[in-house]
N, C-alpha and C. Protein backbone atom coordinates (compact mmCIF):
# COMPACT_ATOMS: atom_id res chain seq x y z
N MET A 1 -60.87 -24.07 -29.03
CA MET A 1 -61.63 -23.52 -28.25
C MET A 1 -61.13 -24.03 -26.28
N ALA A 2 -60.56 -24.66 -26.23
CA ALA A 2 -59.16 -24.77 -25.34
C ALA A 2 -58.07 -24.46 -25.01
N SER A 3 -57.94 -24.35 -26.45
CA SER A 3 -56.04 -23.58 -26.82
C SER A 3 -56.76 -22.09 -25.44
N ILE A 4 -57.83 -21.91 -26.83
CA ILE A 4 -58.18 -20.20 -26.47
C ILE A 4 -58.05 -19.59 -24.34
N VAL A 5 -58.75 -21.27 -23.98
CA VAL A 5 -59.25 -21.42 -22.67
C VAL A 5 -57.19 -20.82 -22.44
N ARG A 6 -56.42 -22.45 -22.24
CA ARG A 6 -55.28 -22.57 -21.85
C ARG A 6 -53.90 -20.55 -22.33
N ILE A 7 -54.58 -19.62 -22.97
CA ILE A 7 -53.40 -18.93 -23.51
C ILE A 7 -53.88 -17.56 -22.32
N ARG A 8 -55.42 -17.48 -22.35
CA ARG A 8 -56.44 -16.10 -21.62
C ARG A 8 -55.77 -17.20 -19.89
N ARG A 9 -55.90 -18.06 -19.36
CA ARG A 9 -55.17 -18.47 -18.27
C ARG A 9 -53.50 -18.43 -18.07
N PHE A 10 -52.80 -17.83 -18.88
CA PHE A 10 -51.59 -18.18 -19.37
C PHE A 10 -51.36 -17.02 -18.85
N ALA A 11 -52.03 -15.99 -19.89
CA ALA A 11 -51.76 -14.79 -19.70
C ALA A 11 -52.56 -14.02 -18.38
N ILE A 12 -53.63 -14.19 -18.29
CA ILE A 12 -53.46 -13.63 -16.34
C ILE A 12 -52.73 -14.14 -15.48
N ALA A 13 -52.06 -15.43 -14.85
CA ALA A 13 -50.77 -15.25 -14.68
C ALA A 13 -50.52 -15.13 -14.75
N LEU A 14 -49.67 -14.24 -15.63
CA LEU A 14 -48.25 -13.58 -16.73
C LEU A 14 -48.77 -11.80 -15.56
N LEU A 15 -49.41 -11.81 -16.40
CA LEU A 15 -50.54 -10.65 -15.66
C LEU A 15 -50.55 -9.93 -13.86
N VAL A 16 -50.39 -10.85 -12.65
CA VAL A 16 -50.50 -11.20 -12.15
C VAL A 16 -48.86 -11.48 -11.17
N ALA A 17 -48.31 -11.87 -12.31
CA ALA A 17 -47.16 -12.52 -11.91
C ALA A 17 -45.89 -10.89 -12.06
N LEU A 18 -46.05 -10.53 -12.54
CA LEU A 18 -46.00 -8.72 -12.98
C LEU A 18 -46.41 -8.04 -12.10
N ALA A 19 -47.40 -7.29 -11.91
CA ALA A 19 -47.47 -6.73 -11.75
C ALA A 19 -46.84 -6.95 -9.42
N ALA A 20 -47.33 -8.18 -9.48
CA ALA A 20 -46.25 -9.07 -8.18
C ALA A 20 -44.38 -8.56 -7.61
N ILE A 21 -44.56 -9.08 -8.70
CA ILE A 21 -42.87 -8.49 -9.01
C ILE A 21 -42.75 -6.84 -9.23
N SER A 22 -43.85 -6.23 -10.30
CA SER A 22 -43.53 -4.95 -9.86
C SER A 22 -43.25 -3.81 -8.60
N ALA A 23 -44.61 -4.43 -7.87
CA ALA A 23 -44.46 -4.44 -6.70
C ALA A 23 -44.07 -4.45 -4.83
N THR A 24 -43.00 -5.68 -5.58
CA THR A 24 -42.37 -5.68 -4.21
C THR A 24 -40.65 -4.93 -5.37
N VAL A 25 -39.72 -4.81 -6.03
CA VAL A 25 -39.08 -4.29 -6.77
C VAL A 25 -39.05 -2.65 -6.43
N GLY A 26 -40.30 -2.22 -7.20
CA GLY A 26 -40.72 -0.41 -6.55
C GLY A 26 -40.95 -0.15 -5.46
N SER A 27 -40.42 -1.17 -4.63
CA SER A 27 -40.96 -0.65 -2.84
C SER A 27 -39.16 -1.39 -2.73
N ALA A 28 -38.63 -1.64 -2.86
CA ALA A 28 -37.74 -1.79 -2.86
C ALA A 28 -36.10 -0.75 -3.11
N LEU A 29 -36.25 -0.64 -4.07
CA LEU A 29 -35.68 0.60 -4.99
C LEU A 29 -36.29 2.34 -4.34
N ALA A 30 -37.55 2.08 -4.01
CA ALA A 30 -37.85 2.98 -3.16
C ALA A 30 -37.02 3.36 -2.33
N ALA A 31 -36.83 2.51 -1.08
CA ALA A 31 -36.23 2.49 0.84
C ALA A 31 -34.26 1.95 0.15
N ALA A 32 -33.92 2.10 -1.03
CA ALA A 32 -32.35 2.17 -1.27
C ALA A 32 -31.71 3.31 -1.19
N PRO A 33 -32.15 4.35 -1.74
CA PRO A 33 -31.49 5.18 -0.88
C PRO A 33 -30.74 5.89 0.50
N ALA A 34 -31.50 5.60 1.62
CA ALA A 34 -32.34 5.48 2.31
C ALA A 34 -30.79 4.83 2.96
N THR A 35 -30.81 3.46 3.00
CA THR A 35 -30.17 3.20 4.05
C THR A 35 -28.47 3.00 3.64
N THR A 36 -28.47 3.41 1.67
CA THR A 36 -26.95 2.87 1.16
C THR A 36 -26.22 3.94 1.44
N PRO A 37 -25.03 4.35 1.87
CA PRO A 37 -24.54 4.88 1.28
C PRO A 37 -24.63 5.61 -0.11
N SER A 38 -23.97 7.20 -0.51
CA SER A 38 -23.81 7.50 -1.73
C SER A 38 -22.68 6.33 -2.02
N ALA A 39 -22.24 6.68 -3.97
CA ALA A 39 -20.60 5.75 -4.17
C ALA A 39 -19.73 6.65 -3.49
N GLY A 40 -19.29 7.88 -3.58
CA GLY A 40 -18.79 9.40 -3.29
C GLY A 40 -18.40 8.36 -1.95
N GLN A 41 -19.27 8.41 -1.23
CA GLN A 41 -18.51 8.15 0.59
C GLN A 41 -18.24 6.85 0.46
N SER A 42 -19.35 5.20 -0.25
CA SER A 42 -18.60 4.09 -0.07
C SER A 42 -16.88 4.32 -1.16
N ALA A 43 -16.41 4.87 -2.49
CA ALA A 43 -14.92 4.69 -2.69
C ALA A 43 -14.00 5.93 -1.38
N LEU A 44 -14.83 6.44 -0.37
CA LEU A 44 -13.82 7.02 0.42
C LEU A 44 -13.86 6.58 1.56
N ALA A 45 -14.70 5.53 2.05
CA ALA A 45 -14.34 5.09 3.08
C ALA A 45 -13.22 3.01 2.80
N GLN A 46 -13.53 2.73 1.25
CA GLN A 46 -12.65 2.22 0.37
C GLN A 46 -10.80 2.04 0.53
N ARG A 47 -10.94 3.92 0.00
CA ARG A 47 -10.12 4.71 -0.27
C ARG A 47 -8.80 4.01 1.54
N TYR A 48 -9.81 5.14 2.49
CA TYR A 48 -9.33 5.10 3.72
C TYR A 48 -8.77 3.24 4.02
N HIS A 49 -9.70 2.28 4.33
CA HIS A 49 -9.05 0.95 4.37
C HIS A 49 -7.91 0.70 3.83
N THR A 50 -7.93 1.40 2.90
CA THR A 50 -6.57 1.11 1.65
C THR A 50 -5.63 1.59 1.76
N GLU A 51 -5.68 2.45 2.47
CA GLU A 51 -3.88 3.48 3.22
C GLU A 51 -3.91 2.74 4.65
N GLN A 52 -4.97 2.41 5.34
CA GLN A 52 -4.79 2.24 6.45
C GLN A 52 -3.38 0.58 6.23
N ASP A 53 -4.40 -0.41 4.78
CA ASP A 53 -3.48 -1.16 4.42
C ASP A 53 -1.85 -0.71 4.04
N ARG A 54 -2.18 0.19 3.40
CA ARG A 54 -0.64 0.10 3.28
C ARG A 54 0.41 1.29 3.99
N LEU A 55 -0.48 1.33 5.28
CA LEU A 55 0.45 1.92 6.29
C LEU A 55 1.15 0.74 6.89
N LYS A 56 0.19 -0.42 7.80
CA LYS A 56 1.22 -1.65 7.38
C LYS A 56 2.10 -2.48 6.93
N VAL A 57 1.66 -1.99 6.16
CA VAL A 57 2.95 -2.27 4.58
C VAL A 57 4.44 -2.04 4.43
N GLN A 58 3.76 -0.62 4.36
CA GLN A 58 5.26 0.43 4.46
C GLN A 58 5.93 0.19 5.82
N ASP A 59 5.04 0.33 7.20
CA ASP A 59 5.55 -0.32 8.02
C ASP A 59 6.55 -1.47 8.34
N LEU A 60 6.66 -1.97 7.85
CA LEU A 60 7.18 -3.34 8.00
C LEU A 60 8.29 -3.19 6.88
N ARG A 61 8.23 -2.61 5.59
CA ARG A 61 9.14 -2.21 4.87
C ARG A 61 10.69 -0.96 5.89
N LEU A 62 9.83 -0.64 6.16
CA LEU A 62 10.96 0.43 7.32
C LEU A 62 11.23 -0.36 8.01
N GLN A 63 10.96 -1.22 8.82
CA GLN A 63 11.09 -2.12 9.27
C GLN A 63 12.95 -3.13 9.01
N ARG A 64 12.25 -3.21 7.36
CA ARG A 64 13.17 -4.06 6.95
C ARG A 64 14.30 -3.80 6.69
N ALA A 65 14.18 -2.03 6.43
CA ALA A 65 15.12 -0.96 5.90
C ALA A 65 16.51 -1.17 7.06
N ALA A 66 16.04 -0.68 8.86
CA ALA A 66 16.63 -1.08 9.30
C ALA A 66 17.76 -2.01 9.85
N ASP A 67 17.17 -3.24 9.59
CA ASP A 67 17.64 -4.63 9.65
C ASP A 67 18.84 -4.43 8.50
N PHE A 68 18.58 -4.16 7.02
CA PHE A 68 19.38 -4.41 6.20
C PHE A 68 20.86 -3.24 6.28
N ALA A 69 20.23 -2.71 7.00
CA ALA A 69 21.69 -0.84 7.87
C ALA A 69 22.41 -2.01 8.43
N ALA A 70 21.69 -2.88 9.38
CA ALA A 70 22.51 -3.51 9.92
C ALA A 70 23.29 -4.53 10.00
N LYS A 71 22.78 -5.42 8.40
CA LYS A 71 23.10 -5.96 8.31
C LYS A 71 24.66 -5.35 7.10
N VAL A 72 24.61 -4.55 6.59
CA VAL A 72 25.54 -3.21 5.88
C VAL A 72 26.14 -3.06 6.76
N ASP A 73 25.95 -2.77 7.99
CA ASP A 73 27.13 -2.80 10.14
C ASP A 73 28.28 -3.81 9.49
N ALA A 74 27.49 -4.69 9.94
CA ALA A 74 28.12 -6.33 9.65
C ALA A 74 29.02 -6.00 8.65
N LEU A 75 28.69 -6.21 7.14
CA LEU A 75 30.09 -6.30 6.73
C LEU A 75 31.52 -5.05 5.89
N VAL A 76 30.46 -4.37 6.64
CA VAL A 76 31.39 -2.76 6.71
C VAL A 76 32.64 -2.77 8.31
N ALA A 77 32.50 -3.30 9.17
CA ALA A 77 32.90 -4.13 10.55
C ALA A 77 34.09 -5.15 10.03
N LYS A 78 33.61 -5.90 8.94
CA LYS A 78 34.45 -7.78 7.73
C LYS A 78 35.80 -6.66 7.72
N ALA A 79 35.29 -6.03 6.72
CA ALA A 79 35.56 -5.11 5.66
C ALA A 79 36.56 -4.53 6.19
N LYS A 80 36.46 -3.65 7.66
CA LYS A 80 37.32 -2.96 8.15
C LYS A 80 38.40 -3.78 9.23
N ALA A 81 37.41 -5.52 10.25
CA ALA A 81 38.97 -6.18 10.04
C ALA A 81 40.36 -6.72 9.56
N LYS A 82 39.83 -6.89 7.72
CA LYS A 82 40.46 -6.73 7.07
C LYS A 82 41.37 -5.76 6.34
N GLY A 83 40.88 -4.88 6.64
CA GLY A 83 41.67 -2.99 6.52
C GLY A 83 41.84 -2.86 5.02
N LYS A 84 40.18 -3.46 4.67
CA LYS A 84 39.62 -2.65 3.63
C LYS A 84 39.03 -0.82 3.70
N ASP A 85 39.60 -0.26 2.76
CA ASP A 85 39.02 1.40 2.82
C ASP A 85 37.53 0.91 2.71
N THR A 86 37.21 1.52 4.30
CA THR A 86 34.97 1.45 3.89
C THR A 86 34.65 2.58 3.86
N ALA A 87 35.78 4.07 4.17
CA ALA A 87 34.46 5.15 4.13
C ALA A 87 33.53 5.80 3.31
N ALA A 88 34.50 5.08 1.55
CA ALA A 88 32.40 5.25 1.30
C ALA A 88 31.52 5.69 1.45
N LEU A 89 31.94 4.30 1.62
CA LEU A 89 29.98 2.95 2.60
C LEU A 89 30.33 2.92 3.70
N GLU A 90 31.03 3.81 5.05
CA GLU A 90 29.93 4.53 5.54
C GLU A 90 29.48 5.24 5.28
N ALA A 91 29.85 6.91 4.61
CA ALA A 91 29.79 7.80 4.02
C ALA A 91 27.53 7.57 3.69
N ALA A 92 27.59 6.22 2.83
CA ALA A 92 26.62 6.24 1.67
C ALA A 92 25.54 5.66 3.09
N LEU A 93 26.52 4.88 3.76
CA LEU A 93 25.48 3.91 4.63
C LEU A 93 25.19 4.76 5.77
N ALA A 94 25.45 6.10 6.04
CA ALA A 94 25.19 7.10 7.16
C ALA A 94 23.94 8.22 6.38
N SER A 95 23.79 8.32 5.27
CA SER A 95 22.63 8.67 3.92
C SER A 95 21.85 7.94 4.31
N TYR A 96 22.56 6.78 4.04
CA TYR A 96 20.86 5.63 3.79
C TYR A 96 20.62 6.21 5.46
N ARG A 97 21.22 5.51 6.22
CA ARG A 97 20.43 5.81 7.84
C ARG A 97 19.06 7.19 7.93
N ALA A 98 19.91 8.72 7.54
CA ALA A 98 19.17 9.54 7.50
C ALA A 98 17.68 9.61 7.06
N ALA A 99 18.33 9.25 5.63
CA ALA A 99 16.57 9.01 5.00
C ALA A 99 15.75 8.56 5.06
N ILE A 100 16.29 7.15 5.84
CA ILE A 100 15.02 6.01 6.26
C ILE A 100 14.29 7.58 7.83
N VAL A 101 15.56 7.39 8.81
CA VAL A 101 14.72 8.23 9.40
C VAL A 101 13.66 9.71 8.99
N SER A 102 13.89 10.08 7.97
CA SER A 102 13.43 11.54 7.47
C SER A 102 12.07 10.53 6.89
N ALA A 103 12.29 9.42 6.29
CA ALA A 103 10.97 7.87 5.53
C ALA A 103 10.13 8.14 6.98
N ARG A 104 11.28 7.52 8.18
CA ARG A 104 9.75 6.84 8.74
C ARG A 104 8.63 8.65 9.28
N ALA A 105 9.62 10.30 9.06
CA ALA A 105 8.89 10.68 9.66
C ALA A 105 8.12 10.93 8.71
N GLU A 106 8.01 10.65 7.61
CA GLU A 106 6.30 10.79 6.49
C GLU A 106 5.94 9.08 7.10
N TRP A 107 6.15 8.73 6.90
CA TRP A 107 5.44 7.66 7.87
C TRP A 107 4.73 8.01 8.88
N GLN A 108 4.67 8.10 10.18
CA GLN A 108 4.85 9.19 10.87
C GLN A 108 3.22 10.02 11.49
N ALA A 109 4.14 11.49 10.32
CA ALA A 109 3.00 11.64 9.99
C ALA A 109 1.45 11.04 9.02
N ALA A 110 1.39 10.55 8.32
CA ALA A 110 0.84 9.31 7.57
C ALA A 110 -0.38 9.13 8.46
N SER A 111 0.27 8.35 9.66
CA SER A 111 -0.13 7.16 10.13
C SER A 111 -1.06 8.26 11.56
N ASP A 112 -0.78 9.72 12.02
CA ASP A 112 -1.39 10.41 12.06
C ASP A 112 -2.50 10.53 12.09
N ALA A 113 -2.66 11.40 10.37
CA ALA A 113 -3.80 11.23 9.99
C ALA A 113 -4.66 10.72 9.87
N LEU A 114 -4.31 9.18 9.48
CA LEU A 114 -5.17 8.06 9.73
C LEU A 114 -6.01 7.67 11.27
N ALA A 115 -4.50 8.00 12.37
CA ALA A 115 -5.10 7.72 13.45
C ALA A 115 -6.39 8.65 13.65
N ALA A 116 -6.38 9.77 13.33
CA ALA A 116 -7.05 11.20 14.53
C ALA A 116 -8.67 10.48 13.01
N HIS A 117 -8.69 10.37 11.84
CA HIS A 117 -9.52 9.83 11.06
C HIS A 117 -10.90 11.12 11.04
N ALA A 118 -9.91 12.36 10.59
CA ALA A 118 -10.77 13.54 10.76
C ALA A 118 -12.52 12.96 9.13
N GLY A 119 -13.16 12.88 9.37
CA GLY A 119 -14.18 12.83 8.35
C GLY A 119 -14.67 11.02 8.91
N PHE A 120 -13.74 10.76 9.61
CA PHE A 120 -14.52 8.69 9.44
C PHE A 120 -14.40 9.15 11.20
N ASP A 121 -16.06 7.90 11.13
CA ASP A 121 -16.12 7.83 12.11
C ASP A 121 -15.20 6.23 12.88
N ALA A 122 -15.41 5.83 14.08
CA ALA A 122 -14.65 4.79 14.25
C ALA A 122 -14.59 3.46 14.31
N ALA A 123 -16.10 2.91 12.96
CA ALA A 123 -15.38 1.71 11.66
C ALA A 123 -15.26 2.41 10.84
N GLY A 124 -14.56 3.59 10.05
CA GLY A 124 -14.60 4.08 9.14
C GLY A 124 -14.87 4.46 8.22
N LYS A 125 -16.07 4.72 8.64
CA LYS A 125 -17.58 5.65 7.27
C LYS A 125 -17.01 6.45 7.68
N VAL A 126 -17.77 6.81 6.61
CA VAL A 126 -18.03 8.43 6.28
C VAL A 126 -18.38 9.34 7.00
N THR A 127 -17.96 10.46 7.74
CA THR A 127 -19.02 11.37 7.80
C THR A 127 -19.77 12.98 7.71
N ASP A 128 -18.10 13.02 6.86
CA ASP A 128 -17.90 14.60 6.14
C ASP A 128 -17.01 13.73 4.90
N ALA A 129 -17.83 14.41 4.40
CA ALA A 129 -16.77 13.91 2.98
C ALA A 129 -15.76 14.36 2.88
N ALA A 130 -16.04 15.83 2.72
CA ALA A 130 -14.81 17.13 2.84
C ALA A 130 -13.79 16.20 3.67
N GLN A 131 -14.53 16.56 4.59
CA GLN A 131 -13.57 16.30 5.38
C GLN A 131 -12.03 14.39 5.86
N ALA A 132 -12.88 13.80 5.13
CA ALA A 132 -13.18 12.20 4.91
C ALA A 132 -11.45 12.20 3.26
N LEU A 133 -12.07 12.87 2.73
CA LEU A 133 -10.53 13.58 1.65
C LEU A 133 -10.12 13.88 2.16
N ALA A 134 -9.22 14.97 2.44
CA ALA A 134 -8.17 15.59 2.87
C ALA A 134 -8.11 14.65 4.14
N THR A 135 -8.71 13.86 4.58
CA THR A 135 -7.42 12.70 5.77
C THR A 135 -7.01 11.56 4.44
N VAL A 136 -7.41 11.38 3.64
CA VAL A 136 -6.87 10.16 2.58
C VAL A 136 -5.81 10.52 1.93
N GLN A 137 -6.12 12.03 1.72
CA GLN A 137 -5.23 12.17 0.57
C GLN A 137 -4.01 13.25 1.78
N SER A 138 -4.27 13.33 2.76
CA SER A 138 -2.52 13.68 3.10
C SER A 138 -2.04 12.66 3.52
N ALA A 139 -2.84 11.56 4.01
CA ALA A 139 -2.10 10.41 3.97
C ALA A 139 -1.19 9.83 2.66
N HIS A 140 -1.93 10.10 2.01
CA HIS A 140 -1.56 9.22 0.21
C HIS A 140 -0.30 10.51 0.49
N GLU A 141 -0.35 11.43 0.00
CA GLU A 141 1.43 12.23 0.18
C GLU A 141 1.94 12.27 0.66
N HIS A 142 1.85 11.56 2.15
CA HIS A 142 2.80 11.34 4.03
C HIS A 142 3.76 9.98 3.16
N MET A 143 2.55 9.27 2.83
CA MET A 143 3.57 7.31 2.80
C MET A 143 4.02 7.19 0.53
N ALA A 144 3.38 8.79 0.27
CA ALA A 144 3.81 8.19 -1.17
C ALA A 144 5.22 9.60 -0.78
N GLN A 145 5.76 10.49 -0.18
CA GLN A 145 7.30 10.73 0.45
C GLN A 145 7.64 10.00 0.76
N ALA A 146 7.24 9.27 1.91
CA ALA A 146 7.90 8.61 2.96
C ALA A 146 8.75 6.90 1.84
N HIS A 147 7.47 6.07 0.38
CA HIS A 147 8.22 5.86 -0.62
C HIS A 147 9.89 5.83 -1.33
N THR A 148 8.97 7.15 -1.17
CA THR A 148 10.02 8.18 -2.27
C THR A 148 11.67 8.38 -2.31
N LEU A 149 11.54 9.16 -0.42
CA LEU A 149 12.97 9.06 0.40
C LEU A 149 12.92 7.47 0.82
N ALA A 150 12.81 6.56 1.00
CA ALA A 150 13.76 5.35 0.93
C ALA A 150 13.49 4.49 0.10
N HIS A 151 12.80 4.76 -0.93
CA HIS A 151 13.42 4.17 -2.02
C HIS A 151 14.85 4.61 -2.70
N GLY A 152 15.13 5.90 -2.84
CA GLY A 152 15.73 6.46 -3.59
C GLY A 152 17.37 6.30 -2.73
N ALA A 153 16.63 5.71 -1.37
CA ALA A 153 17.89 5.67 -0.61
C ALA A 153 18.44 4.13 -0.64
N PHE A 154 17.20 3.08 -0.90
CA PHE A 154 18.22 2.15 -0.76
C PHE A 154 18.55 1.95 -2.27
N VAL A 155 18.25 2.62 -3.35
CA VAL A 155 19.05 2.20 -4.61
C VAL A 155 20.09 2.84 -4.06
N ALA A 156 20.82 4.19 -3.80
CA ALA A 156 21.57 4.58 -3.72
C ALA A 156 22.51 3.95 -2.96
N MET A 157 22.33 3.15 -1.32
CA MET A 157 22.70 2.24 -0.86
C MET A 157 23.43 0.68 -1.79
N ARG A 158 22.63 0.46 -2.82
CA ARG A 158 22.89 -1.31 -3.42
C ARG A 158 23.91 -0.65 -4.46
N LYS A 159 23.90 0.67 -4.90
CA LYS A 159 24.64 1.14 -5.57
C LYS A 159 26.14 1.16 -5.31
N ALA A 160 26.33 1.62 -3.70
CA ALA A 160 27.47 1.77 -3.31
C ALA A 160 28.38 0.65 -2.79
N LEU A 161 27.14 -0.18 -2.36
CA LEU A 161 27.16 -1.77 -1.81
C LEU A 161 28.32 -2.49 -2.94
N ALA A 162 27.59 -2.61 -4.85
CA ALA A 162 27.66 -2.27 -4.88
C ALA A 162 29.82 -2.38 -5.80
N ASP A 163 29.33 -1.05 -5.66
CA ASP A 163 30.72 -0.33 -6.32
C ASP A 163 31.96 -0.92 -5.30
N PHE A 164 31.72 -0.53 -3.87
CA PHE A 164 31.98 -0.97 -3.48
C PHE A 164 33.43 -2.83 -2.84
N ARG A 165 32.03 -3.44 -3.45
CA ARG A 165 32.06 -4.56 -3.83
C ARG A 165 32.99 -4.76 -5.20
N LYS A 166 32.79 -4.37 -5.76
CA LYS A 166 33.94 -3.76 -7.25
C LYS A 166 35.30 -3.66 -6.93
N ALA A 167 35.66 -2.73 -6.34
CA ALA A 167 36.81 -2.16 -6.09
C ALA A 167 37.65 -3.68 -5.31
N ASN A 168 36.51 -4.15 -3.80
CA ASN A 168 37.11 -5.07 -3.52
C ASN A 168 37.50 -6.42 -4.03
N ARG A 169 37.37 -6.76 -5.29
CA ARG A 169 37.27 -7.81 -5.84
C ARG A 169 38.82 -7.87 -5.99
N SER A 170 38.79 -9.45 -5.70
CA SER A 170 39.72 -9.80 -4.88
C SER A 170 40.44 -10.24 -7.36
N LEU A 171 41.82 -10.05 -7.82
CA LEU A 171 42.15 -9.90 -8.78
C LEU A 171 42.72 -10.75 -9.67
N THR A 172 43.02 -11.27 -8.47
CA THR A 172 44.16 -13.14 -8.49
C THR A 172 42.68 -14.60 -9.68
N GLN A 173 43.28 -14.53 -10.37
CA GLN A 173 42.78 -16.02 -11.26
C GLN A 173 42.49 -16.93 -11.04
N PRO A 174 41.46 -17.58 -11.23
CA PRO A 174 41.33 -18.75 -11.01
C PRO A 174 41.50 -20.08 -11.15
N GLN A 175 42.78 -20.75 -10.19
CA GLN A 175 43.84 -21.82 -11.57
C GLN A 175 42.30 -22.44 -11.32
N LEU A 176 42.96 -22.99 -12.98
CA LEU A 176 42.66 -24.04 -13.94
C LEU A 176 43.09 -25.49 -13.53
N PRO A 177 41.63 -26.43 -13.56
CA PRO A 177 42.01 -27.40 -13.11
C PRO A 177 42.81 -28.66 -14.13
N LEU A 178 43.82 -28.93 -13.22
CA LEU A 178 44.68 -30.02 -14.27
C LEU A 178 44.42 -30.87 -15.22
N GLU A 179 45.29 -31.06 -16.40
CA GLU A 179 44.85 -32.20 -17.21
C GLU A 179 44.36 -32.73 -16.66
N PRO A 180 43.37 -33.82 -17.76
CA PRO A 180 43.96 -35.70 -16.64
C PRO A 180 44.25 -36.52 -17.74
């Protein structure tokens, strides 16, 4: 008899607990859609912040590209002082600088698109999904083009440097050490 009473008390306590949980969960779920943005808007806001971070990284890389050009300038000056032919290296450097200028223009277009933040408020939250998507896509395309230009120029410049070094390598054999 005592076990039946215990089971009955346990069942009543369990039903009361389930009713309380369902009431709180039900009201919480009913209020959730009104306070949280849709998944698409959250994804757009995340892409916007990602593109802003990418813009900063790409700016640093383009600054380093200008530093690299200055180092190549110094190399050309040293080679000229030694009387070496630097015409091919200078042509490659001019092409490299032109490509970096083009990449910087693409970067600036991406920066302008993100600065205008069409479709986003000042905090980076989506206000108009269609405009926000266009902003993010435009910035992404400009940064992809900037990357393509800068990377291609860097690869070509490295090849020109390797060719220059190979052509101006000293052909003398190192002296062998004397036998003990």
